[in-house]
């Protein structure tokens, strides 16, 4: 249902389950999918005038919406906000573009450096904020700059990579900026065997049921999935949320899992792992309530 009041791209009463890969959550009051800067700024204005909190969103592949309705506005940058293009040794991509599309585009132009990103079901903007990675690499490795809105001031900024602090599965833009697009290094390179990466992913990850990928961060020098497995927690279940028997760092929505099911299972795994192994697992996934920003 479109909202005629301010923005043509503003939707009302959107099921949160359609906005995340877990397929869980209540209803989102407003969703904005801005295609240009004016629509971004109008979205902020709309939220501020009504006292609404905002929630920046990529593909929702690392986020758990609450069972309760979210009465604010989700801002999800359009995939074509910045037309994907190559300019010399630079690759420009919209925050809303899926990583698989970016990797495919780079391959078509002789650059295989981003093949690993095609195995991550995220959008560029959210993946930068969460410093997504796979196969020993991270999206920040070849990042040059980020175009973003500073949320508190609504200033448009072009931020060099050197001014952004990156760490394992996070960066300093989280909670303070809305990423609009990014600039990456581009070079012709050798085929890195994407097909083998994809086959490995399909053989080691449970892709038949909705999930948010890895739930816990890997402790230094260790694997969270291995730790959960060694604690004997595969197939541990709360409601319709279950620890995968294929990859123990995945929690699956078997059919009608609720956010409370997932949260209870996350806490249960953390408690049992600590008792059994002494490891304190830290969540990689984010709860929507933690990502909400007030203007």
Foldseek 3Di string as FASTA:
>chain_A
DADPPFDRQKDAFAAVLQQALQSAAGTEGIEGADLELVSVVSLLVVCQVVQAWEFEGESNLQEAEANDYRDHYYYYYHQVSPPFDDDPFKTKGWQRNFLLVVCVVLVVVQFNPSLQSNLAGIGNQLQVQQQDDDPPDTPLPFFAWFFKQFSVVRDTDIGGSVRWADDHGHIPCAQGIRTTMTMGGHDRDDNPCSVVSNVVSVQQDPPPFGWSPFFWDADVPGGPQVLLVVLVQAQPFFDQWGQHPRGRRIIGRNDHDHSVRVVVVVVVSQVSSCVVPVDRTDTSGYYSVVRIHGD
